[in-house]
Amino acid sequence: MASPLRAAPSLEALQSALNSESSSALQAVLQPGAGLDPAVVLQRRDWLRAQFPDASWQVAPGSTLKDGRPTTEVSVRGSRQQGPYKFRFEAIQTLVLGSSGDHFNSQDVIQESSTLRSGDPNLKVSLLIPDAVLTGQRYDLDVVFDDPLNGAVVAGAIKPVSVSELLRLQAPDLQLEALGGGGLFKTVQAPFQPGSQTWAVLLVHPKGIVAASKQVRVVASKADLKL
């Protein structure tokens, strides 16, 4: 007699588990596998919730890659009040999730970025950082204030985030420098092996502070630059 089919995991179940107070809720939908460690997911969720008590996750279908794989968009938003300052956090991941039975058991991170702001919510900043570059390629990292500075004195810094810092959810030590021209402008070289780089950015303006991060995919073929 054939064994009964198990239901495939749903994005709704994953969203509910991320927003749950219980660690067992995530264990019910996640299994260890390629690129996916449920313990790390739980650690990051709990760390974000500790930093931003009102953190809320949304999970939704994303676009389909050119190789036919469907993607999933996972976003989180939260805030906290610290003395006179209110901090607002937003992050988004584009993932390819694999599943077995009623568990997700693998993930491939396609895109990832985050932003933390304090001060004027209308302080607009653009991260002109590519999603993907070729191995060994020199490329530009431009982070600019969208509005004219009008004489305001600003400072900023940008630095790569190491693998160990990513695993420990630790920001690198950013040394601020006075900025001219309304932003940060840096040219860097990609590694010579495929993988990814993550950059951390900090901008300080009289109207507020913006901290951000973005992952850049490093690929060996021009065909892989666009997914």
N, C-alpha and C. Protein backbone atom coordinates (compact mmCIF):
# COMPACT_ATOMS: atom_id res chain seq x y z
N MET A 1 0.85 -1.19 0.00
CA MET A 1 0.00 0.00 0.00
C MET A 1 0.89 1.24 0.00
N ALA A 2 0.59 2.18 -0.88
CA ALA A 2 1.42 3.37 -1.00
C ALA A 2 1.27 4.23 0.24
N SER A 3 2.38 4.84 0.66
CA SER A 3 2.33 5.73 1.82
C SER A 3 1.64 7.02 1.43
N PRO A 4 0.93 7.67 2.36
CA PRO A 4 0.23 8.91 2.03
C PRO A 4 1.21 10.02 1.72
N LEU A 5 0.83 10.91 0.78
CA LEU A 5 1.66 12.03 0.42
C LEU A 5 1.64 13.07 1.53
N ARG A 6 2.82 13.63 1.83
CA ARG A 6 2.89 14.69 2.82
C ARG A 6 2.72 16.04 2.13
N ALA A 7 2.04 16.95 2.79
CA ALA A 7 1.80 18.26 2.21
C ALA A 7 3.11 19.03 2.07
N ALA A 8 3.25 19.77 0.97
CA ALA A 8 4.43 20.61 0.78
C ALA A 8 4.36 21.78 1.76
N PRO A 9 5.53 22.28 2.21
CA PRO A 9 5.50 23.42 3.13
C PRO A 9 4.96 24.66 2.42
N SER A 10 4.30 25.51 3.15
CA SER A 10 3.72 26.71 2.56
C SER A 10 4.47 27.95 3.03
N LEU A 11 4.44 29.00 2.20
CA LEU A 11 5.05 30.26 2.59
C LEU A 11 4.31 30.88 3.77
N GLU A 12 3.00 30.62 3.83
CA GLU A 12 2.21 31.12 4.96
C GLU A 12 2.69 30.50 6.28
N ALA A 13 3.03 29.21 6.23
CA ALA A 13 3.52 28.54 7.43
C ALA A 13 4.88 29.10 7.86
N LEU A 14 5.73 29.41 6.88
CA LEU A 14 7.04 30.00 7.19
C LEU A 14 6.87 31.38 7.79
N GLN A 15 5.98 32.19 7.23
CA GLN A 15 5.74 33.52 7.78
C GLN A 15 5.21 33.44 9.20
N SER A 16 4.28 32.53 9.43
CA SER A 16 3.73 32.37 10.77
C SER A 16 4.81 31.93 11.76
N ALA A 17 5.71 31.04 11.33
CA ALA A 17 6.77 30.57 12.21
C ALA A 17 7.76 31.68 12.54
N LEU A 18 8.09 32.51 11.55
CA LEU A 18 9.01 33.62 11.80
C LEU A 18 8.43 34.62 12.78
N ASN A 19 7.13 34.81 12.73
CA ASN A 19 6.47 35.77 13.62
C ASN A 19 6.05 35.17 14.96
N SER A 20 6.27 33.87 15.11
CA SER A 20 5.89 33.21 16.35
C SER A 20 6.88 33.51 17.46
N GLU A 21 6.43 33.43 18.69
CA GLU A 21 7.31 33.58 19.85
C GLU A 21 8.05 32.28 20.15
N SER A 22 7.64 31.19 19.51
CA SER A 22 8.17 29.86 19.84
C SER A 22 9.28 29.45 18.89
N SER A 23 10.34 28.85 19.43
CA SER A 23 11.40 28.31 18.59
C SER A 23 10.96 27.04 17.88
N SER A 24 10.04 26.30 18.49
CA SER A 24 9.58 25.05 17.88
C SER A 24 8.80 25.30 16.60
N ALA A 25 8.22 26.50 16.45
CA ALA A 25 7.46 26.80 15.24
C ALA A 25 8.37 26.79 14.02
N LEU A 26 9.59 27.34 14.15
CA LEU A 26 10.53 27.30 13.03
C LEU A 26 11.03 25.88 12.77
N GLN A 27 11.26 25.13 13.83
CA GLN A 27 11.71 23.75 13.67
C GLN A 27 10.68 22.90 12.94
N ALA A 28 9.41 23.31 13.01
CA ALA A 28 8.35 22.55 12.36
C ALA A 28 8.33 22.75 10.86
N VAL A 29 9.00 23.82 10.35
CA VAL A 29 8.97 24.07 8.91
C VAL A 29 10.36 24.06 8.27
N LEU A 30 11.44 24.00 9.09
CA LEU A 30 12.80 24.05 8.56
C LEU A 30 13.57 22.80 8.94
N GLN A 31 14.39 22.33 8.00
CA GLN A 31 15.33 21.24 8.24
C GLN A 31 16.71 21.66 7.74
N PRO A 32 17.78 21.15 8.37
CA PRO A 32 19.12 21.48 7.87
C PRO A 32 19.30 20.98 6.44
N GLY A 33 20.00 21.77 5.65
CA GLY A 33 20.29 21.39 4.28
C GLY A 33 21.22 22.40 3.65
N ALA A 34 21.41 22.30 2.35
CA ALA A 34 22.35 23.16 1.64
C ALA A 34 21.99 24.63 1.83
N GLY A 35 22.89 25.38 2.47
CA GLY A 35 22.69 26.80 2.68
C GLY A 35 21.67 27.15 3.75
N LEU A 36 21.11 26.16 4.43
CA LEU A 36 20.06 26.43 5.41
C LEU A 36 20.38 25.75 6.74
N ASP A 37 20.57 26.56 7.77
CA ASP A 37 20.79 26.07 9.13
C ASP A 37 19.69 26.65 10.00
N PRO A 38 18.70 25.84 10.39
CA PRO A 38 17.59 26.37 11.21
C PRO A 38 18.06 27.07 12.47
N ALA A 39 19.17 26.61 13.07
CA ALA A 39 19.67 27.26 14.29
C ALA A 39 20.10 28.69 14.01
N VAL A 40 20.71 28.92 12.84
CA VAL A 40 21.13 30.27 12.48
C VAL A 40 19.92 31.14 12.20
N VAL A 41 18.92 30.59 11.52
CA VAL A 41 17.69 31.35 11.26
C VAL A 41 17.04 31.77 12.58
N LEU A 42 16.97 30.83 13.51
CA LEU A 42 16.38 31.12 14.83
C LEU A 42 17.19 32.18 15.56
N GLN A 43 18.52 32.06 15.51
CA GLN A 43 19.39 33.03 16.19
C GLN A 43 19.18 34.43 15.62
N ARG A 44 19.11 34.54 14.29
CA ARG A 44 18.94 35.85 13.68
C ARG A 44 17.56 36.42 13.98
N ARG A 45 16.54 35.57 13.95
CA ARG A 45 15.20 36.06 14.27
C ARG A 45 15.15 36.59 15.70
N ASP A 46 15.70 35.83 16.64
CA ASP A 46 15.65 36.25 18.04
C ASP A 46 16.49 37.50 18.27
N TRP A 47 17.63 37.61 17.57
CA TRP A 47 18.47 38.81 17.70
C TRP A 47 17.73 40.04 17.19
N LEU A 48 17.06 39.91 16.05
CA LEU A 48 16.30 41.04 15.51
C LEU A 48 15.15 41.42 16.42
N ARG A 49 14.50 40.41 16.98
CA ARG A 49 13.37 40.70 17.87
C ARG A 49 13.86 41.39 19.15
N ALA A 50 15.06 41.02 19.62
CA ALA A 50 15.61 41.67 20.81
C ALA A 50 15.96 43.13 20.51
N GLN A 51 16.44 43.39 19.28
CA GLN A 51 16.81 44.75 18.91
C GLN A 51 15.58 45.59 18.58
N PHE A 52 14.58 44.95 17.97
CA PHE A 52 13.39 45.66 17.51
C PHE A 52 12.16 44.85 17.96
N PRO A 53 11.63 45.17 19.14
CA PRO A 53 10.56 44.34 19.73
C PRO A 53 9.32 44.21 18.86
N ASP A 54 9.06 45.18 17.97
CA ASP A 54 7.87 45.08 17.13
C ASP A 54 8.17 44.49 15.75
N ALA A 55 9.32 43.81 15.61
CA ALA A 55 9.71 43.25 14.32
C ALA A 55 8.62 42.34 13.76
N SER A 56 8.38 42.47 12.46
CA SER A 56 7.35 41.68 11.80
C SER A 56 7.87 41.20 10.45
N TRP A 57 7.67 39.91 10.17
CA TRP A 57 8.16 39.30 8.93
C TRP A 57 7.02 39.11 7.95
N GLN A 58 7.34 39.27 6.67
CA GLN A 58 6.42 38.95 5.59
C GLN A 58 7.13 38.04 4.61
N VAL A 59 6.43 37.01 4.16
CA VAL A 59 6.98 36.05 3.20
C VAL A 59 6.02 35.97 2.02
N ALA A 60 6.54 36.17 0.82
CA ALA A 60 5.68 36.21 -0.36
C ALA A 60 6.42 35.63 -1.56
N PRO A 61 5.68 35.12 -2.55
CA PRO A 61 6.33 34.64 -3.77
C PRO A 61 7.03 35.78 -4.49
N GLY A 62 8.21 35.48 -5.04
CA GLY A 62 8.94 36.45 -5.84
C GLY A 62 8.85 36.10 -7.31
N SER A 63 9.70 36.72 -8.09
CA SER A 63 9.71 36.45 -9.53
C SER A 63 10.40 35.12 -9.81
N THR A 64 10.22 34.62 -11.02
CA THR A 64 10.86 33.37 -11.45
C THR A 64 12.18 33.69 -12.14
N LEU A 65 13.24 32.99 -11.77
CA LEU A 65 14.55 33.19 -12.39
C LEU A 65 14.54 32.65 -13.82
N LYS A 66 15.54 33.06 -14.59
CA LYS A 66 15.56 32.64 -16.00
C LYS A 66 15.79 31.14 -16.15
N ASP A 67 16.30 30.49 -15.10
CA ASP A 67 16.46 29.04 -15.15
C ASP A 67 15.21 28.30 -14.69
N GLY A 68 14.14 29.07 -14.43
CA GLY A 68 12.87 28.46 -14.07
C GLY A 68 12.61 28.31 -12.59
N ARG A 69 13.59 28.62 -11.75
CA ARG A 69 13.39 28.45 -10.31
C ARG A 69 12.56 29.60 -9.75
N PRO A 70 11.54 29.30 -8.95
CA PRO A 70 10.76 30.36 -8.31
C PRO A 70 11.53 30.92 -7.11
N THR A 71 11.34 32.18 -6.83
CA THR A 71 11.99 32.80 -5.69
C THR A 71 10.97 33.17 -4.62
N THR A 72 11.48 33.42 -3.43
CA THR A 72 10.66 33.84 -2.29
C THR A 72 11.24 35.12 -1.72
N GLU A 73 10.38 36.10 -1.46
CA GLU A 73 10.80 37.36 -0.86
C GLU A 73 10.49 37.33 0.64
N VAL A 74 11.51 37.47 1.44
CA VAL A 74 11.35 37.52 2.90
C VAL A 74 11.78 38.91 3.36
N SER A 75 10.86 39.63 3.97
CA SER A 75 11.17 40.98 4.45
C SER A 75 10.84 41.09 5.93
N VAL A 76 11.55 41.98 6.60
CA VAL A 76 11.30 42.22 8.02
C VAL A 76 11.40 43.72 8.27
N ARG A 77 10.49 44.22 9.09
CA ARG A 77 10.51 45.63 9.48
C ARG A 77 10.34 45.72 10.99
N GLY A 78 11.03 46.67 11.58
CA GLY A 78 10.91 46.85 13.02
C GLY A 78 11.44 48.21 13.43
N SER A 79 11.19 48.56 14.69
CA SER A 79 11.66 49.85 15.20
C SER A 79 11.92 49.74 16.69
N ARG A 80 12.65 50.72 17.20
CA ARG A 80 12.85 50.79 18.64
C ARG A 80 13.11 52.24 19.03
N GLN A 81 12.75 52.57 20.22
CA GLN A 81 13.01 53.89 20.78
C GLN A 81 14.18 53.78 21.74
N GLN A 82 15.19 54.61 21.56
CA GLN A 82 16.35 54.60 22.44
C GLN A 82 16.62 56.03 22.87
N GLY A 83 16.16 56.37 24.09
CA GLY A 83 16.24 57.76 24.52
C GLY A 83 15.40 58.63 23.60
N PRO A 84 15.98 59.73 23.12
CA PRO A 84 15.22 60.61 22.23
C PRO A 84 15.21 60.13 20.78
N TYR A 85 15.88 59.02 20.48
CA TYR A 85 16.05 58.59 19.10
C TYR A 85 15.15 57.39 18.78
N LYS A 86 14.53 57.43 17.61
CA LYS A 86 13.77 56.29 17.12
C LYS A 86 14.51 55.68 15.94
N PHE A 87 14.77 54.38 16.02
CA PHE A 87 15.47 53.66 14.97
C PHE A 87 14.46 52.82 14.19
N ARG A 88 14.57 52.84 12.86
CA ARG A 88 13.68 52.09 11.98
C ARG A 88 14.52 51.16 11.12
N PHE A 89 14.17 49.89 11.14
CA PHE A 89 14.96 48.86 10.45
C PHE A 89 14.11 48.19 9.38
N GLU A 90 14.73 47.91 8.24
CA GLU A 90 14.07 47.17 7.16
C GLU A 90 15.11 46.32 6.45
N ALA A 91 14.77 45.06 6.18
CA ALA A 91 15.67 44.18 5.44
C ALA A 91 14.84 43.30 4.51
N ILE A 92 15.46 42.90 3.41
CA ILE A 92 14.77 42.03 2.46
C ILE A 92 15.76 41.03 1.88
N GLN A 93 15.30 39.81 1.73
CA GLN A 93 16.06 38.74 1.09
C GLN A 93 15.25 38.17 -0.06
N THR A 94 15.93 37.87 -1.15
CA THR A 94 15.35 37.09 -2.23
C THR A 94 16.01 35.72 -2.19
N LEU A 95 15.21 34.67 -1.97
CA LEU A 95 15.73 33.33 -1.76
C LEU A 95 15.15 32.35 -2.78
N VAL A 96 15.93 31.32 -3.07
CA VAL A 96 15.39 30.12 -3.71
C VAL A 96 15.35 29.04 -2.64
N LEU A 97 14.14 28.62 -2.29
CA LEU A 97 13.96 27.63 -1.23
C LEU A 97 13.70 26.26 -1.82
N GLY A 98 14.34 25.26 -1.24
CA GLY A 98 14.06 23.87 -1.59
C GLY A 98 13.29 23.20 -0.47
N SER A 99 12.54 22.17 -0.80
CA SER A 99 11.72 21.52 0.23
C SER A 99 11.71 20.02 0.05
N SER A 100 11.39 19.36 1.14
CA SER A 100 11.20 17.92 1.16
C SER A 100 10.04 17.63 2.10
N GLY A 101 8.99 17.06 1.57
CA GLY A 101 7.83 16.83 2.40
C GLY A 101 7.28 18.13 2.92
N ASP A 102 7.10 18.23 4.22
CA ASP A 102 6.51 19.43 4.80
C ASP A 102 7.54 20.36 5.43
N HIS A 103 8.81 20.25 5.00
CA HIS A 103 9.88 21.12 5.51
C HIS A 103 10.63 21.78 4.36
N PHE A 104 11.05 23.02 4.57
CA PHE A 104 12.06 23.65 3.71
C PHE A 104 13.42 23.13 4.17
N ASN A 105 14.25 22.68 3.21
CA ASN A 105 15.52 22.07 3.60
C ASN A 105 16.73 22.59 2.83
N SER A 106 16.57 23.68 2.08
CA SER A 106 17.72 24.31 1.43
C SER A 106 17.35 25.73 1.05
N GLN A 107 18.39 26.56 0.93
CA GLN A 107 18.14 27.92 0.45
C GLN A 107 19.36 28.45 -0.28
N ASP A 108 19.10 29.27 -1.28
CA ASP A 108 20.13 29.96 -2.03
C ASP A 108 19.78 31.44 -1.97
N VAL A 109 20.67 32.25 -1.37
CA VAL A 109 20.40 33.68 -1.22
C VAL A 109 20.76 34.38 -2.53
N ILE A 110 19.76 34.95 -3.19
CA ILE A 110 19.95 35.62 -4.47
C ILE A 110 20.27 37.09 -4.27
N GLN A 111 19.53 37.76 -3.40
CA GLN A 111 19.79 39.15 -3.07
C GLN A 111 19.51 39.37 -1.59
N GLU A 112 20.23 40.32 -1.01
CA GLU A 112 20.04 40.62 0.41
C GLU A 112 20.49 42.04 0.69
N SER A 113 19.65 42.79 1.40
CA SER A 113 20.02 44.15 1.78
C SER A 113 19.27 44.54 3.04
N SER A 114 19.80 45.53 3.75
CA SER A 114 19.14 46.03 4.96
C SER A 114 19.44 47.50 5.13
N THR A 115 18.54 48.19 5.85
CA THR A 115 18.71 49.61 6.13
C THR A 115 18.24 49.91 7.55
N LEU A 116 19.03 50.66 8.28
CA LEU A 116 18.68 51.13 9.62
C LEU A 116 18.77 52.66 9.61
N ARG A 117 17.68 53.30 10.02
CA ARG A 117 17.63 54.76 9.99
C ARG A 117 17.26 55.33 11.35
N SER A 118 17.72 56.53 11.61
CA SER A 118 17.23 57.32 12.73
C SER A 118 17.17 58.76 12.27
N GLY A 119 16.34 59.55 12.95
CA GLY A 119 16.21 60.95 12.56
C GLY A 119 15.12 61.15 11.54
N ASP A 120 15.33 62.11 10.65
CA ASP A 120 14.33 62.53 9.67
C ASP A 120 14.00 61.37 8.72
N PRO A 121 12.73 60.91 8.70
CA PRO A 121 12.38 59.81 7.80
C PRO A 121 12.43 60.20 6.33
N ASN A 122 12.48 61.50 6.05
CA ASN A 122 12.54 61.97 4.67
C ASN A 122 13.97 62.13 4.16
N LEU A 123 14.96 61.74 4.98
CA LEU A 123 16.35 61.78 4.53
C LEU A 123 16.57 60.61 3.57
N LYS A 124 16.66 60.92 2.29
CA LYS A 124 16.72 59.89 1.27
C LYS A 124 18.17 59.60 0.87
N VAL A 125 18.48 58.32 0.78
CA VAL A 125 19.82 57.86 0.40
C VAL A 125 19.68 56.76 -0.65
N SER A 126 20.51 56.80 -1.67
CA SER A 126 20.51 55.76 -2.71
C SER A 126 21.79 54.94 -2.62
N LEU A 127 21.62 53.60 -2.56
CA LEU A 127 22.76 52.68 -2.59
C LEU A 127 22.95 52.21 -4.02
N LEU A 128 23.91 52.82 -4.72
CA LEU A 128 24.17 52.46 -6.11
C LEU A 128 25.27 51.41 -6.13
N ILE A 129 24.88 50.22 -5.67
CA ILE A 129 25.79 49.08 -5.56
C ILE A 129 25.21 47.97 -6.42
N PRO A 130 25.99 47.36 -7.31
CA PRO A 130 25.42 46.36 -8.22
C PRO A 130 24.96 45.10 -7.48
N ASP A 131 23.99 44.41 -8.09
CA ASP A 131 23.54 43.13 -7.54
C ASP A 131 24.54 42.02 -7.81
N ALA A 132 25.23 42.11 -8.96
CA ALA A 132 26.17 41.05 -9.34
C ALA A 132 27.30 41.63 -10.17
N VAL A 133 28.49 41.04 -10.02
CA VAL A 133 29.66 41.44 -10.78
C VAL A 133 30.42 40.18 -11.19
N LEU A 134 31.32 40.33 -12.17
CA LEU A 134 32.15 39.21 -12.61
C LEU A 134 33.36 39.03 -11.67
N THR A 135 33.87 37.83 -11.60
CA THR A 135 35.07 37.57 -10.80
C THR A 135 36.21 38.47 -11.29
N GLY A 136 36.91 39.09 -10.35
CA GLY A 136 38.04 39.94 -10.69
C GLY A 136 37.68 41.31 -11.23
N GLN A 137 36.41 41.58 -11.41
CA GLN A 137 35.99 42.85 -12.00
C GLN A 137 36.15 44.00 -11.03
N ARG A 138 36.57 45.17 -11.53
CA ARG A 138 36.56 46.39 -10.74
C ARG A 138 35.18 47.01 -10.89
N TYR A 139 34.59 47.44 -9.77
CA TYR A 139 33.25 48.02 -9.84
C TYR A 139 33.10 49.13 -8.81
N ASP A 140 32.08 49.95 -9.03
CA ASP A 140 31.87 51.14 -8.21
C ASP A 140 30.86 50.89 -7.11
N LEU A 141 31.16 51.45 -5.93
CA LEU A 141 30.24 51.50 -4.81
C LEU A 141 29.93 52.97 -4.56
N ASP A 142 28.74 53.40 -4.94
CA ASP A 142 28.34 54.79 -4.76
C ASP A 142 27.13 54.84 -3.84
N VAL A 143 27.24 55.61 -2.77
CA VAL A 143 26.14 55.80 -1.83
C VAL A 143 25.96 57.30 -1.67
N VAL A 144 24.80 57.81 -2.09
CA VAL A 144 24.65 59.25 -2.19
C VAL A 144 23.37 59.73 -1.49
N PHE A 145 23.46 60.93 -0.95
CA PHE A 145 22.26 61.62 -0.45
C PHE A 145 21.50 62.13 -1.67
N ASP A 146 20.19 61.84 -1.72
CA ASP A 146 19.42 62.21 -2.90
C ASP A 146 19.20 63.71 -3.02
N ASP A 147 19.12 64.40 -1.89
CA ASP A 147 18.85 65.84 -1.90
C ASP A 147 20.15 66.62 -1.70
N PRO A 148 20.22 67.85 -2.21
CA PRO A 148 21.43 68.68 -2.03
C PRO A 148 21.74 68.87 -0.55
N LEU A 149 23.03 68.94 -0.24
CA LEU A 149 23.44 69.08 1.15
C LEU A 149 23.20 70.49 1.68
N ASN A 150 23.20 71.48 0.81
CA ASN A 150 22.96 72.87 1.22
C ASN A 150 23.87 73.27 2.38
N GLY A 151 25.14 72.91 2.27
CA GLY A 151 26.12 73.32 3.27
C GLY A 151 26.23 72.40 4.47
N ALA A 152 25.41 71.36 4.54
CA ALA A 152 25.47 70.44 5.68
C ALA A 152 26.79 69.67 5.66
N VAL A 153 27.36 69.47 6.84
CA VAL A 153 28.58 68.67 6.97
C VAL A 153 28.17 67.22 7.23
N VAL A 154 28.65 66.30 6.37
CA VAL A 154 28.27 64.89 6.48
C VAL A 154 29.52 64.03 6.56
N ALA A 155 29.34 62.82 7.09
CA ALA A 155 30.45 61.86 7.21
C ALA A 155 29.93 60.48 6.84
N GLY A 156 30.86 59.60 6.48
CA GLY A 156 30.44 58.27 6.10
C GLY A 156 31.60 57.29 6.04
N ALA A 157 31.24 56.02 5.85
CA ALA A 157 32.24 54.96 5.73
C ALA A 157 31.59 53.78 5.04
N ILE A 158 32.42 52.99 4.36
CA ILE A 158 31.96 51.76 3.73
C ILE A 158 33.06 50.72 3.88
N LYS A 159 32.66 49.48 4.16
CA LYS A 159 33.65 48.44 4.43
C LYS A 159 33.04 47.07 4.15
N PRO A 160 33.83 46.12 3.67
CA PRO A 160 33.30 44.76 3.48
C PRO A 160 33.03 44.08 4.82
N VAL A 161 32.03 43.24 4.83
CA VAL A 161 31.68 42.46 6.02
C VAL A 161 32.26 41.06 5.84
N SER A 162 33.03 40.59 6.81
CA SER A 162 33.65 39.28 6.71
C SER A 162 32.63 38.17 6.97
N VAL A 163 32.98 36.95 6.57
CA VAL A 163 32.11 35.80 6.81
C VAL A 163 31.87 35.61 8.30
N SER A 164 32.93 35.76 9.11
CA SER A 164 32.77 35.56 10.56
C SER A 164 31.84 36.62 11.15
N GLU A 165 31.93 37.86 10.66
CA GLU A 165 31.04 38.91 11.15
C GLU A 165 29.60 38.62 10.76
N LEU A 166 29.40 38.09 9.55
CA LEU A 166 28.05 37.72 9.13
C LEU A 166 27.49 36.63 10.03
N LEU A 167 28.30 35.63 10.33
CA LEU A 167 27.83 34.52 11.16
C LEU A 167 27.51 34.98 12.58
N ARG A 168 28.28 35.97 13.09
CA ARG A 168 28.06 36.46 14.45
C ARG A 168 27.07 37.63 14.49
N LEU A 169 26.50 37.98 13.31
CA LEU A 169 25.59 39.12 13.20
C LEU A 169 26.25 40.38 13.74
N GLN A 170 27.53 40.54 13.39
CA GLN A 170 28.33 41.64 13.93
C GLN A 170 28.68 42.61 12.81
N ALA A 171 28.47 43.91 13.06
CA ALA A 171 28.84 44.93 12.09
C ALA A 171 30.33 45.20 12.17
N PRO A 172 30.99 45.51 11.04
CA PRO A 172 32.41 45.83 11.09
C PRO A 172 32.64 47.19 11.74
N ASP A 173 33.86 47.43 12.15
CA ASP A 173 34.23 48.71 12.75
C ASP A 173 34.41 49.72 11.62
N LEU A 174 33.48 50.67 11.53
CA LEU A 174 33.49 51.65 10.46
C LEU A 174 34.08 52.97 10.95
N GLN A 175 35.13 53.43 10.30
CA GLN A 175 35.80 54.68 10.66
C GLN A 175 35.26 55.81 9.78
N LEU A 176 34.51 56.72 10.39
CA LEU A 176 33.88 57.80 9.63
C LEU A 176 34.91 58.79 9.10
N GLU A 177 34.63 59.27 7.88
CA GLU A 177 35.43 60.33 7.27
C GLU A 177 34.49 61.40 6.73
N ALA A 178 34.95 62.65 6.76
CA ALA A 178 34.16 63.73 6.18
C ALA A 178 33.98 63.49 4.69
N LEU A 179 32.78 63.75 4.19
CA LEU A 179 32.45 63.49 2.79
C LEU A 179 32.28 64.78 2.02
N GLY A 180 32.71 64.75 0.78
CA GLY A 180 32.44 65.82 -0.14
C GLY A 180 31.64 65.27 -1.31
N GLY A 181 30.93 66.12 -2.01
CA GLY A 181 30.20 65.66 -3.19
C GLY A 181 28.90 64.95 -2.88
N GLY A 182 28.47 64.97 -1.64
CA GLY A 182 27.14 64.44 -1.35
C GLY A 182 27.05 62.94 -1.18
N GLY A 183 28.19 62.25 -0.95
CA GLY A 183 28.09 60.81 -0.74
C GLY A 183 29.43 60.12 -0.71
N LEU A 184 29.36 58.79 -0.73
CA LEU A 184 30.53 57.92 -0.74
C LEU A 184 30.75 57.41 -2.16
N PHE A 185 32.00 57.44 -2.62
CA PHE A 185 32.31 56.96 -3.96
C PHE A 185 33.59 56.14 -3.87
N LYS A 186 33.47 54.85 -4.17
CA LYS A 186 34.60 53.94 -3.98
C LYS A 186 34.63 52.93 -5.12
N THR A 187 35.81 52.62 -5.61
CA THR A 187 35.98 51.57 -6.62
C THR A 187 36.74 50.41 -5.98
N VAL A 188 36.21 49.19 -6.16
CA VAL A 188 36.80 48.02 -5.53
C VAL A 188 36.96 46.92 -6.57
N GLN A 189 37.64 45.86 -6.18
CA GLN A 189 37.81 44.71 -7.07
C GLN A 189 37.14 43.49 -6.47
N ALA A 190 36.40 42.77 -7.31
CA ALA A 190 35.73 41.55 -6.87
C ALA A 190 36.74 40.43 -6.66
N PRO A 191 36.44 39.47 -5.81
CA PRO A 191 37.32 38.30 -5.66
C PRO A 191 37.45 37.54 -6.99
N PHE A 192 38.46 36.71 -7.07
CA PHE A 192 38.70 35.96 -8.30
C PHE A 192 37.99 34.60 -8.28
N GLN A 193 37.25 34.32 -7.21
CA GLN A 193 36.46 33.11 -7.13
C GLN A 193 34.99 33.48 -6.97
N PRO A 194 34.08 32.73 -7.62
CA PRO A 194 32.65 33.02 -7.46
C PRO A 194 32.23 32.92 -6.00
N GLY A 195 31.22 33.69 -5.65
CA GLY A 195 30.72 33.70 -4.28
C GLY A 195 29.91 34.97 -4.06
N SER A 196 30.21 35.67 -2.98
CA SER A 196 29.50 36.92 -2.71
C SER A 196 30.35 37.81 -1.82
N GLN A 197 30.06 39.11 -1.87
CA GLN A 197 30.62 40.09 -0.97
C GLN A 197 29.46 40.85 -0.33
N THR A 198 29.61 41.19 0.94
CA THR A 198 28.62 42.03 1.60
C THR A 198 29.30 43.30 2.07
N TRP A 199 28.66 44.43 1.77
CA TRP A 199 29.22 45.72 2.13
C TRP A 199 28.36 46.40 3.19
N ALA A 200 29.01 47.00 4.18
CA ALA A 200 28.33 47.76 5.21
C ALA A 200 28.61 49.24 5.00
N VAL A 201 27.58 50.05 5.17
CA VAL A 201 27.67 51.48 4.91
C VAL A 201 27.14 52.23 6.13
N LEU A 202 27.77 53.35 6.46
CA LEU A 202 27.28 54.23 7.51
C LEU A 202 27.39 55.66 7.03
N LEU A 203 26.27 56.39 7.08
CA LEU A 203 26.23 57.80 6.70
C LEU A 203 25.66 58.60 7.86
N VAL A 204 26.30 59.72 8.17
CA VAL A 204 25.87 60.60 9.26
C VAL A 204 25.59 61.98 8.68
N HIS A 205 24.37 62.46 8.91
CA HIS A 205 23.90 63.73 8.39
C HIS A 205 23.29 64.50 9.57
N PRO A 206 23.32 65.82 9.56
CA PRO A 206 22.69 66.55 10.67
C PRO A 206 21.23 66.16 10.91
N LYS A 207 20.55 65.67 9.87
CA LYS A 207 19.14 65.29 10.01
C LYS A 207 18.95 63.83 10.42
N GLY A 208 20.02 63.05 10.45
CA GLY A 208 19.85 61.66 10.84
C GLY A 208 21.00 60.77 10.43
N ILE A 209 20.88 59.49 10.79
CA ILE A 209 21.91 58.49 10.51
C ILE A 209 21.29 57.37 9.67
N VAL A 210 22.05 56.90 8.67
CA VAL A 210 21.62 55.77 7.85
C VAL A 210 22.73 54.74 7.84
N ALA A 211 22.41 53.53 8.29
CA ALA A 211 23.33 52.39 8.19
C ALA A 211 22.69 51.37 7.26
N ALA A 212 23.47 50.80 6.38
CA ALA A 212 22.90 49.88 5.39
C ALA A 212 23.91 48.78 5.08
N SER A 213 23.39 47.70 4.51
CA SER A 213 24.25 46.63 4.01
C SER A 213 23.66 46.08 2.74
N LYS A 214 24.51 45.55 1.88
CA LYS A 214 24.04 44.93 0.64
C LYS A 214 25.00 43.84 0.22
N GLN A 215 24.41 42.74 -0.25
CA GLN A 215 25.20 41.63 -0.78
C GLN A 215 25.38 41.79 -2.29
N VAL A 216 26.58 41.52 -2.76
CA VAL A 216 26.89 41.53 -4.19
C VAL A 216 27.30 40.11 -4.59
N ARG A 217 26.59 39.54 -5.55
CA ARG A 217 26.96 38.22 -6.05
C ARG A 217 28.18 38.34 -6.96
N VAL A 218 29.12 37.41 -6.84
CA VAL A 218 30.32 37.37 -7.68
C VAL A 218 30.22 36.11 -8.54
N VAL A 219 30.11 36.30 -9.85
CA VAL A 219 29.86 35.18 -10.76
C VAL A 219 30.97 35.10 -11.81
N ALA A 220 31.11 33.92 -12.41
CA ALA A 220 32.20 33.69 -13.36
C ALA A 220 31.80 33.93 -14.79
N SER A 221 30.50 34.04 -15.07
CA SER A 221 30.02 34.16 -16.45
C SER A 221 29.09 35.35 -16.60
N LYS A 222 29.20 36.05 -17.72
CA LYS A 222 28.30 37.17 -17.99
C LYS A 222 26.85 36.71 -18.01
N ALA A 223 26.62 35.47 -18.39
CA ALA A 223 25.26 34.94 -18.47
C ALA A 223 24.61 34.89 -17.08
N ASP A 224 25.45 34.84 -16.03
CA ASP A 224 24.91 34.73 -14.67
C ASP A 224 24.73 36.08 -13.99
N LEU A 225 25.07 37.18 -14.68
CA LEU A 225 24.91 38.49 -14.07
C LEU A 225 23.44 38.82 -13.85
N LYS A 226 22.59 38.38 -14.76
CA LYS A 226 21.15 38.62 -14.65
C LYS A 226 20.45 37.29 -14.43
N LEU A 227 19.68 37.22 -13.36
CA LEU A 227 19.03 35.95 -12.99
C LEU A 227 17.62 35.87 -13.58
